[in-house]
Amino acid sequence: MAYKIVSATEWQAACDKGRFEGSSVDLQDGYIHLSAADQVQETAAKHFQGQTDLRLVVLDIDALGAAVKWEPSRGGRLFPHLYAPLDVSLALAVRPLPLGPDGIPEVVL
């Protein structure tokens, strides 16, 4: 599995278009940032602290095909990067991502 954290607004816009082309950071970097199961909580804490109305998009990484590349990121760890728009029909689930008492989104897989 792979995971993408997005705002509810971004996801709704993607659903309206049928595809998610990326957040501003994704567009700047040239790929859609994803996280593996063991990375998503750290991603939530590092990049989404204090943000409300978030969604966790659950994806079957195999269904994304060759457009996914595992590349070094934080501390040299390999992260999945999607080099194509994400067809929203590939989302297995889209879950609310509430903030915990410390302001960090609580990821439940």
N, C-alpha and C. Protein backbone atom coordinates (compact mmCIF):
# COMPACT_ATOMS: atom_id res chain seq x y z
N MET A 1 0.83 -1.19 0.00
CA MET A 1 0.00 0.00 0.00
C MET A 1 0.87 1.25 0.00
N ALA A 2 0.30 2.30 -0.52
CA ALA A 2 0.92 3.62 -0.47
C ALA A 2 -0.15 4.59 0.00
N TYR A 3 0.29 5.71 0.54
CA TYR A 3 -0.62 6.67 1.15
C TYR A 3 -0.28 8.08 0.69
N LYS A 4 -1.33 8.89 0.53
CA LYS A 4 -1.17 10.31 0.19
C LYS A 4 -2.03 11.11 1.14
N ILE A 5 -1.43 12.11 1.75
CA ILE A 5 -2.17 13.03 2.61
C ILE A 5 -2.49 14.26 1.79
N VAL A 6 -3.76 14.62 1.75
CA VAL A 6 -4.21 15.79 0.99
C VAL A 6 -5.28 16.52 1.79
N SER A 7 -5.51 17.77 1.44
CA SER A 7 -6.62 18.50 2.06
C SER A 7 -7.92 17.99 1.43
N ALA A 8 -8.99 18.13 2.17
CA ALA A 8 -10.30 17.73 1.64
C ALA A 8 -10.62 18.52 0.38
N THR A 9 -10.24 19.78 0.33
CA THR A 9 -10.48 20.63 -0.84
C THR A 9 -9.72 20.11 -2.05
N GLU A 10 -8.44 19.76 -1.86
CA GLU A 10 -7.64 19.22 -2.96
C GLU A 10 -8.24 17.92 -3.48
N TRP A 11 -8.69 17.06 -2.56
CA TRP A 11 -9.23 15.78 -3.00
C TRP A 11 -10.55 15.96 -3.73
N GLN A 12 -11.38 16.87 -3.25
CA GLN A 12 -12.66 17.12 -3.93
C GLN A 12 -12.43 17.65 -5.34
N ALA A 13 -11.47 18.56 -5.48
CA ALA A 13 -11.13 19.09 -6.81
C ALA A 13 -10.64 17.97 -7.71
N ALA A 14 -9.84 17.06 -7.16
CA ALA A 14 -9.34 15.93 -7.94
C ALA A 14 -10.50 15.03 -8.37
N CYS A 15 -11.42 14.78 -7.46
CA CYS A 15 -12.58 13.94 -7.79
C CYS A 15 -13.42 14.58 -8.89
N ASP A 16 -13.54 15.90 -8.85
CA ASP A 16 -14.30 16.61 -9.88
C ASP A 16 -13.65 16.46 -11.25
N LYS A 17 -12.31 16.39 -11.28
CA LYS A 17 -11.55 16.26 -12.53
C LYS A 17 -11.30 14.81 -12.92
N GLY A 18 -11.40 13.91 -11.96
CA GLY A 18 -11.11 12.51 -12.21
C GLY A 18 -9.65 12.14 -11.98
N ARG A 19 -8.86 13.13 -11.61
CA ARG A 19 -7.43 12.85 -11.37
C ARG A 19 -6.86 13.90 -10.41
N PHE A 20 -5.87 13.44 -9.66
CA PHE A 20 -5.13 14.32 -8.76
C PHE A 20 -3.78 14.58 -9.42
N GLU A 21 -3.51 15.84 -9.69
CA GLU A 21 -2.27 16.19 -10.38
C GLU A 21 -1.17 16.62 -9.42
N GLY A 22 -1.53 16.73 -8.14
CA GLY A 22 -0.54 17.04 -7.13
C GLY A 22 -0.85 18.31 -6.37
N SER A 23 -0.32 18.36 -5.16
CA SER A 23 -0.39 19.58 -4.35
C SER A 23 0.68 20.54 -4.85
N SER A 24 0.76 21.70 -4.25
CA SER A 24 1.75 22.69 -4.70
C SER A 24 3.18 22.13 -4.57
N VAL A 25 3.46 21.41 -3.50
CA VAL A 25 4.80 20.82 -3.32
C VAL A 25 5.06 19.76 -4.38
N ASP A 26 4.04 18.94 -4.66
CA ASP A 26 4.19 17.91 -5.70
C ASP A 26 4.50 18.55 -7.05
N LEU A 27 3.73 19.57 -7.39
CA LEU A 27 3.92 20.24 -8.68
C LEU A 27 5.31 20.87 -8.77
N GLN A 28 5.77 21.44 -7.67
CA GLN A 28 7.10 22.05 -7.62
C GLN A 28 8.19 21.00 -7.83
N ASP A 29 8.02 19.82 -7.21
CA ASP A 29 9.04 18.77 -7.27
C ASP A 29 8.94 17.91 -8.52
N GLY A 30 7.81 17.95 -9.21
CA GLY A 30 7.67 17.20 -10.46
C GLY A 30 7.15 15.79 -10.29
N TYR A 31 6.65 15.44 -9.12
CA TYR A 31 6.07 14.13 -8.87
C TYR A 31 5.15 14.24 -7.67
N ILE A 32 4.28 13.25 -7.51
CA ILE A 32 3.37 13.21 -6.36
C ILE A 32 4.05 12.41 -5.24
N HIS A 33 4.23 13.06 -4.11
CA HIS A 33 4.83 12.43 -2.94
C HIS A 33 3.85 11.44 -2.33
N LEU A 34 4.31 10.23 -2.13
CA LEU A 34 3.54 9.19 -1.44
C LEU A 34 4.36 8.71 -0.26
N SER A 35 3.72 7.96 0.61
CA SER A 35 4.41 7.35 1.74
C SER A 35 4.02 5.89 1.83
N ALA A 36 4.95 5.07 2.27
CA ALA A 36 4.66 3.68 2.61
C ALA A 36 4.04 3.66 4.00
N ALA A 37 3.51 2.52 4.40
CA ALA A 37 2.83 2.40 5.69
C ALA A 37 3.72 2.83 6.86
N ASP A 38 4.98 2.47 6.82
CA ASP A 38 5.88 2.80 7.93
C ASP A 38 6.41 4.22 7.86
N GLN A 39 5.98 5.00 6.88
CA GLN A 39 6.45 6.38 6.71
C GLN A 39 5.36 7.42 6.89
N VAL A 40 4.10 7.00 6.79
CA VAL A 40 3.02 7.98 6.70
C VAL A 40 2.83 8.80 7.99
N GLN A 41 3.00 8.20 9.16
CA GLN A 41 2.85 8.97 10.40
C GLN A 41 3.94 10.04 10.51
N GLU A 42 5.16 9.69 10.15
CA GLU A 42 6.25 10.67 10.17
C GLU A 42 5.98 11.80 9.17
N THR A 43 5.46 11.45 8.00
CA THR A 43 5.10 12.46 7.01
C THR A 43 4.04 13.40 7.56
N ALA A 44 3.03 12.83 8.21
CA ALA A 44 1.96 13.64 8.79
C ALA A 44 2.52 14.61 9.82
N ALA A 45 3.40 14.13 10.68
CA ALA A 45 3.98 14.97 11.73
C ALA A 45 4.88 16.06 11.16
N LYS A 46 5.67 15.71 10.15
CA LYS A 46 6.64 16.65 9.61
C LYS A 46 6.02 17.72 8.72
N HIS A 47 5.03 17.34 7.93
CA HIS A 47 4.53 18.25 6.91
C HIS A 47 3.09 18.75 7.12
N PHE A 48 2.35 18.16 8.05
CA PHE A 48 0.93 18.50 8.17
C PHE A 48 0.50 18.87 9.58
N GLN A 49 1.45 19.11 10.48
CA GLN A 49 1.10 19.47 11.86
C GLN A 49 0.23 20.71 11.87
N GLY A 50 -0.86 20.65 12.62
CA GLY A 50 -1.75 21.78 12.79
C GLY A 50 -2.75 21.99 11.67
N GLN A 51 -2.63 21.23 10.60
CA GLN A 51 -3.56 21.39 9.48
C GLN A 51 -4.82 20.56 9.72
N THR A 52 -5.94 21.16 9.45
CA THR A 52 -7.22 20.49 9.66
C THR A 52 -7.83 20.10 8.31
N ASP A 53 -8.86 19.30 8.38
CA ASP A 53 -9.63 18.90 7.21
C ASP A 53 -8.78 18.14 6.20
N LEU A 54 -7.95 17.23 6.71
CA LEU A 54 -7.08 16.43 5.86
C LEU A 54 -7.74 15.09 5.54
N ARG A 55 -7.28 14.49 4.46
CA ARG A 55 -7.72 13.16 4.05
C ARG A 55 -6.49 12.27 3.84
N LEU A 56 -6.65 11.00 4.17
CA LEU A 56 -5.64 10.00 3.90
C LEU A 56 -6.16 9.14 2.76
N VAL A 57 -5.47 9.20 1.63
CA VAL A 57 -5.86 8.42 0.46
C VAL A 57 -5.03 7.13 0.47
N VAL A 58 -5.73 6.00 0.42
CA VAL A 58 -5.09 4.69 0.46
C VAL A 58 -5.04 4.14 -0.97
N LEU A 59 -3.85 3.72 -1.37
CA LEU A 59 -3.63 3.27 -2.75
C LEU A 59 -2.94 1.91 -2.78
N ASP A 60 -3.30 1.11 -3.77
CA ASP A 60 -2.57 -0.12 -4.06
C ASP A 60 -1.40 0.28 -4.93
N ILE A 61 -0.22 0.24 -4.37
CA ILE A 61 0.96 0.73 -5.09
C ILE A 61 1.20 -0.05 -6.39
N ASP A 62 0.85 -1.32 -6.42
CA ASP A 62 1.03 -2.11 -7.63
C ASP A 62 0.13 -1.61 -8.77
N ALA A 63 -1.05 -1.10 -8.43
CA ALA A 63 -1.97 -0.60 -9.45
C ALA A 63 -1.45 0.68 -10.10
N LEU A 64 -0.50 1.35 -9.47
CA LEU A 64 0.05 2.59 -10.02
C LEU A 64 1.10 2.30 -11.10
N GLY A 65 1.58 1.08 -11.13
CA GLY A 65 2.48 0.64 -12.20
C GLY A 65 3.85 1.28 -12.20
N ALA A 66 4.40 1.37 -13.39
CA ALA A 66 5.78 1.84 -13.58
C ALA A 66 5.95 3.33 -13.32
N ALA A 67 4.86 4.05 -13.12
CA ALA A 67 4.96 5.48 -12.84
C ALA A 67 5.48 5.75 -11.43
N VAL A 68 5.55 4.71 -10.59
CA VAL A 68 6.08 4.85 -9.23
C VAL A 68 7.56 4.52 -9.23
N LYS A 69 8.32 5.43 -8.66
CA LYS A 69 9.76 5.24 -8.48
C LYS A 69 10.07 5.37 -6.99
N TRP A 70 10.86 4.46 -6.47
CA TRP A 70 11.32 4.54 -5.08
C TRP A 70 12.62 5.31 -5.08
N GLU A 71 12.61 6.48 -4.43
CA GLU A 71 13.78 7.37 -4.48
C GLU A 71 14.13 7.85 -3.08
N PRO A 72 15.42 8.16 -2.87
CA PRO A 72 15.86 8.64 -1.55
C PRO A 72 15.23 9.98 -1.20
N SER A 73 14.92 10.09 0.09
CA SER A 73 14.40 11.35 0.60
C SER A 73 14.99 11.55 1.99
N ARG A 74 14.16 11.84 2.98
CA ARG A 74 14.64 12.11 4.33
C ARG A 74 15.65 11.06 4.80
N GLY A 75 16.83 11.51 5.09
CA GLY A 75 17.84 10.63 5.65
C GLY A 75 18.24 9.48 4.75
N GLY A 76 17.98 9.62 3.45
CA GLY A 76 18.34 8.58 2.50
C GLY A 76 17.32 7.46 2.39
N ARG A 77 16.24 7.52 3.18
CA ARG A 77 15.20 6.48 3.08
C ARG A 77 14.51 6.56 1.73
N LEU A 78 14.10 5.42 1.22
CA LEU A 78 13.40 5.39 -0.06
C LEU A 78 11.91 5.63 0.13
N PHE A 79 11.39 6.57 -0.64
CA PHE A 79 9.97 6.91 -0.62
C PHE A 79 9.39 6.69 -2.00
N PRO A 80 8.11 6.29 -2.08
CA PRO A 80 7.47 6.15 -3.39
C PRO A 80 7.07 7.52 -3.94
N HIS A 81 7.45 7.77 -5.19
CA HIS A 81 7.10 9.01 -5.89
C HIS A 81 6.34 8.62 -7.15
N LEU A 82 5.21 9.26 -7.38
CA LEU A 82 4.38 8.96 -8.54
C LEU A 82 4.62 10.00 -9.62
N TYR A 83 5.14 9.56 -10.75
CA TYR A 83 5.45 10.45 -11.87
C TYR A 83 4.33 10.42 -12.92
N ALA A 84 3.12 10.65 -12.47
CA ALA A 84 1.95 10.71 -13.34
C ALA A 84 0.79 11.24 -12.51
N PRO A 85 -0.23 11.79 -13.16
CA PRO A 85 -1.42 12.14 -12.39
C PRO A 85 -2.02 10.88 -11.77
N LEU A 86 -2.65 11.04 -10.64
CA LEU A 86 -3.28 9.93 -9.94
C LEU A 86 -4.76 9.85 -10.33
N ASP A 87 -5.14 8.78 -10.97
CA ASP A 87 -6.54 8.53 -11.31
C ASP A 87 -7.28 8.29 -9.99
N VAL A 88 -8.26 9.11 -9.67
CA VAL A 88 -8.93 9.01 -8.36
C VAL A 88 -9.67 7.69 -8.20
N SER A 89 -9.98 7.02 -9.29
CA SER A 89 -10.67 5.73 -9.18
C SER A 89 -9.76 4.66 -8.59
N LEU A 90 -8.46 4.92 -8.52
CA LEU A 90 -7.52 3.96 -7.94
C LEU A 90 -7.46 4.04 -6.41
N ALA A 91 -8.13 5.02 -5.83
CA ALA A 91 -8.15 5.14 -4.37
C ALA A 91 -8.97 3.99 -3.78
N LEU A 92 -8.35 3.20 -2.93
CA LEU A 92 -9.06 2.11 -2.27
C LEU A 92 -9.93 2.63 -1.14
N ALA A 93 -9.48 3.72 -0.53
CA ALA A 93 -10.22 4.36 0.56
C ALA A 93 -9.73 5.79 0.69
N VAL A 94 -10.60 6.64 1.19
CA VAL A 94 -10.25 8.02 1.53
C VAL A 94 -10.83 8.26 2.91
N ARG A 95 -9.94 8.48 3.87
CA ARG A 95 -10.35 8.58 5.27
C ARG A 95 -10.05 9.97 5.83
N PRO A 96 -10.91 10.47 6.71
CA PRO A 96 -10.57 11.70 7.42
C PRO A 96 -9.32 11.48 8.26
N LEU A 97 -8.54 12.52 8.40
CA LEU A 97 -7.29 12.44 9.16
C LEU A 97 -7.37 13.50 10.26
N PRO A 98 -7.95 13.14 11.42
CA PRO A 98 -8.12 14.13 12.48
C PRO A 98 -6.81 14.47 13.18
N LEU A 99 -6.79 15.65 13.76
CA LEU A 99 -5.63 16.07 14.55
C LEU A 99 -5.71 15.47 15.94
N GLY A 100 -4.57 15.04 16.44
CA GLY A 100 -4.49 14.59 17.82
C GLY A 100 -4.35 15.79 18.74
N PRO A 101 -4.31 15.57 20.02
CA PRO A 101 -4.20 16.67 20.98
C PRO A 101 -2.91 17.46 20.84
N ASP A 102 -1.90 16.86 20.23
CA ASP A 102 -0.62 17.55 20.01
C ASP A 102 -0.58 18.31 18.69
N GLY A 103 -1.72 18.30 17.94
CA GLY A 103 -1.77 19.01 16.67
C GLY A 103 -1.23 18.22 15.49
N ILE A 104 -0.82 16.98 15.74
CA ILE A 104 -0.31 16.12 14.66
C ILE A 104 -1.43 15.23 14.18
N PRO A 105 -1.61 15.11 12.86
CA PRO A 105 -2.66 14.21 12.36
C PRO A 105 -2.43 12.79 12.84
N GLU A 106 -3.53 12.15 13.26
CA GLU A 106 -3.46 10.78 13.76
C GLU A 106 -3.77 9.82 12.62
N VAL A 107 -2.75 9.10 12.19
CA VAL A 107 -2.88 8.16 11.08
C VAL A 107 -3.26 6.79 11.62
N VAL A 108 -4.38 6.28 11.12
CA VAL A 108 -4.82 4.92 11.45
C VAL A 108 -4.90 4.17 10.13
N LEU A 109 -4.08 3.16 9.99
CA LEU A 109 -4.04 2.40 8.72
C LEU A 109 -5.00 1.25 8.71
